[in-house]
Every structure is written in C-alpha cells, then in structure tokens.
Amino acid sequence: MKYYEPEHVEGYARIHAEGLSAWGQLHGESTFEDSEVRGVLAEVLPRLQFDSPHPAALEYGCGTGPGACLLAERGFRVCGIDQSPLAIEIARREAAKRGFAIDYRVGDVCSDAPANEKYDLVVDSFCLQCIVTDDDRGRLFSFVKSALKSSGRYVIATAGYSPHRDYGGAEFDPATGIALEGDLPCRRHVTADALVRELAAGGFTVEWHRTADDGDIALIARLA
C-alpha cells in the first residue's frame, strides 16, 4: 500500500459508514454542494474557452464527485478517477441522485500507465498535496500530459504553503514542502511560485494562478 492510500481508505470508510457525501464533512466543514473544489471550478471556468459546447473533462482524485458533478452541470462530458473503490461507489450514487451520467473509474494516476483518451480539461481535485515524492509527482504529470489535448487546460486546486498551517505532530520541512509523520510522508505544501517552477520542469506553462489567505492554490496551465 502506497503512503497516500491509508488516509483515504479510512476516510471513505467513515463517509460510507456515517452516511455522508463529501470529504469536508469528516472535519465539520464543507458539504457536497459547497465543497472547495466546486468553488475553485466556479472561479476558474469563466477564464477558459473550449472549441466544443460539451468539452471532455477528466477529474482525478475526484472523491465522491462534487467537482465532477459541477462540471457535468456546466455541460462537460466528465470522467472521474479515484483510487478508492468506495469513493467511486459513493460518487456514482451522488451523480445518479442529480441525474448526471458521469464515467467514474477506479484508478491510480501515479501508475506508469498513460491515459487512453484525450481531454479538453484535466482537473486536480485537491489531490496533488497528497502526492509527495518527486517520482510520484513526475509520474502524475506524465499522466496528465498523456491525457491533455494539445489545446487542453490543466486546472489544479491544492493546499499550498502557509506559515500558519498546523501540522500537529508531523514534522514540516520548508525547503521541500514535505510533512512527515514519523518516516511516512503525508503532505507536500509548496508556494505557488514553487509549483509554477515544478510544472515548468514537468512540461507545462502556467497561465494564471492565485493563492488564498489560507495558502490554497488555484492554477491554470497548458502543455508547454
């Protein structure tokens, strides 16, 4: 089991057992309809233009699907990927409630397998912060490059560095942005400037980004 799996196995088991529908509810925060990724997408989508009235979108780390459902609501043809089978089960239930036909799949985008299809839009749904090692982030970016159309856009919503972030018992290294719980990497929180440089090294050009007061980053990139 990879370092980023146990937290999500436990979290989605709780969501299922407690009859919840969104990750934020585990912490007494956002519900499905006001999930953070929906706010980021509502902010970002007006900045994007696509040739098709129904562009193809891929959301990875889709969880229970609040972002995917917003994209479907806005007319996108949506595929959602998450490593958790339970998250995908809940996502399918929530999409059916809302009358959306979303192609949900179980998968790990940090694997070596390239995407089989091309998309106008690829969305990172607060997933990148949990992908800690350089090797895994490199594999993730390779997957995104294989999934994007040449004219496509890559939208990232991620928790970023904040000097006020509480790591509890974890040890945070500001040089790398990596937080360790014992020997296990649990988070990587970088600044927007550091993320822009990392994406440039990975083959992307960042067109726009902003950082919220809590350090969270929203970003639009394209293939370089």
Protein backbone atom coordinates (compact mmCIF):
# COMPACT_ATOMS: atom_id res chain seq x y z
CA MET A 1 0.00 0.00 0.00
CA LYS A 2 1.44 3.37 -1.01
CA TYR A 3 1.89 6.16 1.53
CA TYR A 4 -1.09 8.15 0.19
CA GLU A 5 -3.60 5.29 0.47
CA PRO A 6 -4.27 4.60 4.19
CA GLU A 7 -5.73 8.04 5.00
CA HIS A 8 -8.18 7.76 2.11
CA VAL A 9 -9.16 4.17 2.83
CA GLU A 10 -10.04 5.19 6.38
CA GLY A 11 -11.71 8.45 5.36
CA TYR A 12 -14.04 6.99 2.74
CA ALA A 13 -14.92 4.13 5.07
CA ARG A 14 -16.07 6.74 7.59
CA ILE A 15 -18.01 8.68 4.94
CA HIS A 16 -19.80 5.49 3.93
CA ALA A 17 -20.47 4.33 7.49
CA GLU A 18 -21.77 7.72 8.63
CA GLY A 19 -23.98 8.26 5.59
CA LEU A 20 -22.03 11.34 4.44
CA SER A 21 -21.39 12.50 0.88
CA ALA A 22 -18.26 14.69 0.96
CA TRP A 23 -14.75 14.63 2.44
CA GLY A 24 -15.17 18.02 4.11
CA GLN A 25 -17.95 16.65 6.29
CA LEU A 26 -15.38 14.50 8.11
CA HIS A 27 -14.00 17.70 9.58
CA GLY A 28 -17.30 19.51 10.12
CA GLU A 29 -16.64 21.70 7.09
CA SER A 30 -18.00 21.77 3.54
CA THR A 31 -20.87 19.65 2.27
CA PHE A 32 -21.12 18.12 -1.22
CA GLU A 33 -22.68 21.24 -2.72
CA ASP A 34 -20.16 23.69 -1.26
CA SER A 35 -17.03 21.54 -1.50
CA GLU A 36 -13.83 23.51 -2.02
CA VAL A 37 -13.21 22.15 -5.50
CA ARG A 38 -16.62 23.41 -6.63
CA GLY A 39 -15.63 26.90 -5.50
CA VAL A 40 -12.34 26.69 -7.40
CA LEU A 41 -14.08 25.45 -10.56
CA ALA A 42 -16.70 28.19 -10.35
CA GLU A 43 -13.84 30.71 -10.15
CA VAL A 44 -11.73 29.18 -12.91
CA LEU A 45 -14.20 28.03 -15.59
CA PRO A 46 -15.13 31.57 -16.74
CA ARG A 47 -11.44 32.03 -17.62
CA LEU A 48 -11.44 29.05 -20.01
CA GLN A 49 -12.67 28.68 -23.58
CA PHE A 50 -13.16 25.45 -25.48
CA ASP A 51 -13.98 24.67 -29.11
CA SER A 52 -16.78 22.24 -28.24
CA PRO A 53 -20.01 23.16 -26.44
CA HIS A 54 -19.57 19.92 -24.49
CA PRO A 55 -15.84 19.58 -23.77
CA ALA A 56 -14.38 16.38 -22.36
CA ALA A 57 -13.12 16.71 -18.79
CA LEU A 58 -11.13 14.38 -16.56
CA GLU A 59 -11.07 14.94 -12.81
CA TYR A 60 -8.57 12.85 -10.88
CA GLY A 61 -8.78 12.48 -7.13
CA CYS A 62 -12.49 13.03 -7.72
CA GLY A 63 -13.51 11.51 -4.39
CA THR A 64 -17.28 11.39 -4.04
CA GLY A 65 -17.72 13.60 -7.10
CA PRO A 66 -18.69 17.16 -6.13
CA GLY A 67 -16.34 18.62 -8.74
CA ALA A 68 -17.32 16.13 -11.42
CA CYS A 69 -20.99 16.92 -10.83
CA LEU A 70 -20.39 20.65 -11.19
CA LEU A 71 -18.57 20.03 -14.48
CA ALA A 72 -21.46 17.87 -15.71
CA GLU A 73 -23.87 20.61 -14.65
CA ARG A 74 -21.86 23.07 -16.78
CA GLY A 75 -22.17 20.84 -19.87
CA PHE A 76 -18.90 18.89 -19.77
CA ARG A 77 -18.64 15.21 -20.64
CA VAL A 78 -16.96 14.01 -17.48
CA CYS A 79 -14.72 11.14 -16.42
CA GLY A 80 -13.81 10.92 -12.73
CA ILE A 81 -10.94 8.81 -11.39
CA ASP A 82 -10.13 7.93 -7.81
CA GLN A 83 -8.01 5.20 -6.25
CA SER A 84 -10.75 4.39 -3.72
CA PRO A 85 -13.44 1.95 -4.90
CA LEU A 86 -15.65 3.15 -2.06
CA ALA A 87 -15.29 6.78 -3.11
CA ILE A 88 -16.30 5.81 -6.65
CA GLU A 89 -19.30 3.87 -5.33
CA ILE A 90 -20.48 6.95 -3.42
CA ALA A 91 -19.72 9.22 -6.41
CA ARG A 92 -21.91 7.10 -8.68
CA ARG A 93 -24.71 7.28 -6.12
CA GLU A 94 -24.45 11.07 -5.82
CA ALA A 95 -24.33 11.57 -9.60
CA ALA A 96 -27.41 9.37 -10.04
CA LYS A 97 -29.27 11.46 -7.44
CA ARG A 98 -28.60 14.54 -9.56
CA GLY A 99 -29.33 12.91 -12.91
CA PHE A 100 -25.77 13.09 -14.24
CA ALA A 101 -24.19 10.39 -16.42
CA ILE A 102 -20.56 10.54 -15.31
CA ASP A 103 -17.97 7.94 -16.27
CA TYR A 104 -16.42 7.06 -12.90
CA ARG A 105 -13.41 4.76 -12.76
CA VAL A 106 -11.15 3.31 -10.06
CA GLY A 107 -7.52 4.05 -10.84
CA ASP A 108 -4.21 5.43 -9.62
CA VAL A 109 -2.88 8.25 -11.78
CA CYS A 110 0.57 7.83 -10.25
CA SER A 111 0.94 4.50 -12.01
CA ASP A 112 3.10 4.21 -15.11
CA ALA A 113 0.08 3.73 -17.39
CA PRO A 114 -0.62 6.64 -19.79
CA ALA A 115 -4.16 7.84 -20.37
CA ASN A 116 -6.09 6.08 -23.11
CA GLU A 117 -8.15 9.13 -24.05
CA LYS A 118 -7.61 12.85 -24.63
CA TYR A 119 -9.41 15.59 -22.72
CA ASP A 120 -10.03 19.30 -23.14
CA LEU A 121 -9.72 19.78 -19.39
CA VAL A 122 -7.90 17.87 -16.65
CA VAL A 123 -8.67 18.81 -13.04
CA ASP A 124 -6.66 18.03 -9.93
CA SER A 125 -9.19 17.94 -7.10
CA PHE A 126 -7.00 18.67 -4.04
CA CYS A 127 -5.01 15.54 -4.90
CA LEU A 128 -1.56 16.97 -5.56
CA GLN A 129 -0.94 17.88 -1.91
CA CYS A 130 -1.10 14.16 -1.06
CA ILE A 131 1.32 13.17 -3.84
CA VAL A 132 4.54 13.84 -2.00
CA THR A 133 7.59 12.26 -3.62
CA ASP A 134 9.31 13.68 -6.68
CA ASP A 135 8.97 10.35 -8.50
CA ASP A 136 5.21 10.13 -7.92
CA ARG A 137 4.65 13.75 -8.89
CA GLY A 138 6.68 13.15 -12.04
CA ARG A 139 4.52 10.14 -12.91
CA LEU A 140 1.38 12.16 -12.23
CA PHE A 141 2.48 14.97 -14.55
CA SER A 142 3.38 12.43 -17.24
CA PHE A 143 -0.13 11.01 -16.96
CA VAL A 144 -1.66 14.48 -17.30
CA LYS A 145 0.45 15.23 -20.38
CA SER A 146 -0.76 11.99 -21.94
CA ALA A 147 -4.38 12.90 -21.13
CA LEU A 148 -4.47 16.52 -22.35
CA LYS A 149 -5.31 17.56 -25.88
CA SER A 150 -2.76 19.92 -27.37
CA SER A 151 -5.23 22.78 -26.80
CA GLY A 152 -6.33 21.49 -23.39
CA ARG A 153 -6.02 23.09 -19.99
CA TYR A 154 -4.84 21.68 -16.65
CA VAL A 155 -6.54 23.09 -13.56
CA ILE A 156 -5.03 22.40 -10.15
CA ALA A 157 -6.78 23.01 -6.84
CA THR A 158 -4.40 22.22 -4.00
CA ALA A 159 -3.50 23.15 -0.45
CA GLY A 160 -0.33 25.21 -0.56
CA TYR A 161 2.22 26.50 1.90
CA SER A 162 1.04 28.71 4.74
CA PRO A 163 3.17 29.75 7.73
CA HIS A 164 0.04 29.39 9.86
CA ARG A 165 -0.76 25.79 8.91
CA ASP A 166 -0.91 23.42 11.89
CA TYR A 167 0.81 20.08 11.28
CA GLY A 168 0.10 18.62 14.70
CA GLY A 169 2.77 16.03 15.39
CA ALA A 170 4.10 15.97 11.83
CA GLU A 171 7.49 17.46 11.01
CA PHE A 172 7.40 20.02 8.20
CA ASP A 173 10.45 20.76 6.03
CA PRO A 174 10.06 24.22 4.47
CA ALA A 175 12.85 23.51 1.98
CA THR A 176 10.87 20.74 0.27
CA GLY A 177 7.34 21.47 1.48
CA ILE A 178 7.10 17.88 2.74
CA ALA A 179 5.46 16.98 6.05
CA LEU A 180 6.46 13.68 7.68
CA GLU A 181 4.58 11.67 10.27
CA GLY A 182 7.43 9.58 11.58
CA ASP A 183 9.07 8.23 8.42
CA LEU A 184 5.85 8.44 6.37
CA PRO A 185 5.35 11.42 4.02
CA CYS A 186 1.81 12.74 4.44
CA ARG A 187 1.63 16.15 2.71
CA ARG A 188 3.52 18.42 0.36
CA HIS A 189 2.62 22.09 0.65
CA VAL A 190 4.58 24.39 -1.64
CA THR A 191 4.18 28.02 -2.60
CA ALA A 192 2.54 28.99 -5.86
CA ASP A 193 5.89 30.15 -7.24
CA ALA A 194 7.48 26.80 -6.41
CA LEU A 195 4.58 24.96 -8.04
CA VAL A 196 4.90 27.10 -11.18
CA ARG A 197 8.58 26.15 -11.40
CA GLU A 198 7.81 22.47 -10.81
CA LEU A 199 5.18 22.48 -13.55
CA ALA A 200 7.56 24.22 -15.96
CA ALA A 201 10.12 21.48 -15.33
CA GLY A 202 7.36 18.92 -15.93
CA GLY A 203 6.41 20.30 -19.35
CA PHE A 204 3.65 22.82 -18.57
CA THR A 205 3.22 26.58 -18.88
CA VAL A 206 1.18 28.26 -16.15
CA GLU A 207 -1.23 30.87 -17.49
CA TRP A 208 -2.84 32.03 -14.25
CA HIS A 209 -2.71 31.31 -10.54
CA ARG A 210 -3.79 32.74 -7.24
CA THR A 211 -3.16 31.93 -3.59
CA ALA A 212 -5.90 32.25 -0.96
CA ASP A 213 -5.32 33.59 2.54
CA ASP A 214 -5.06 30.03 3.90
CA GLY A 215 -2.40 29.10 1.34
CA ASP A 216 -4.66 27.14 -1.00
CA ILE A 217 -3.69 27.50 -4.65
CA ALA A 218 -5.80 27.59 -7.81
CA LEU A 219 -3.92 27.36 -11.09
CA ILE A 220 -4.44 27.04 -14.85
CA ALA A 221 -1.72 25.51 -17.03
CA ARG A 222 -1.31 24.24 -20.57
CA LEU A 223 1.17 22.00 -22.32
CA ALA A 224 4.42 23.83 -22.96
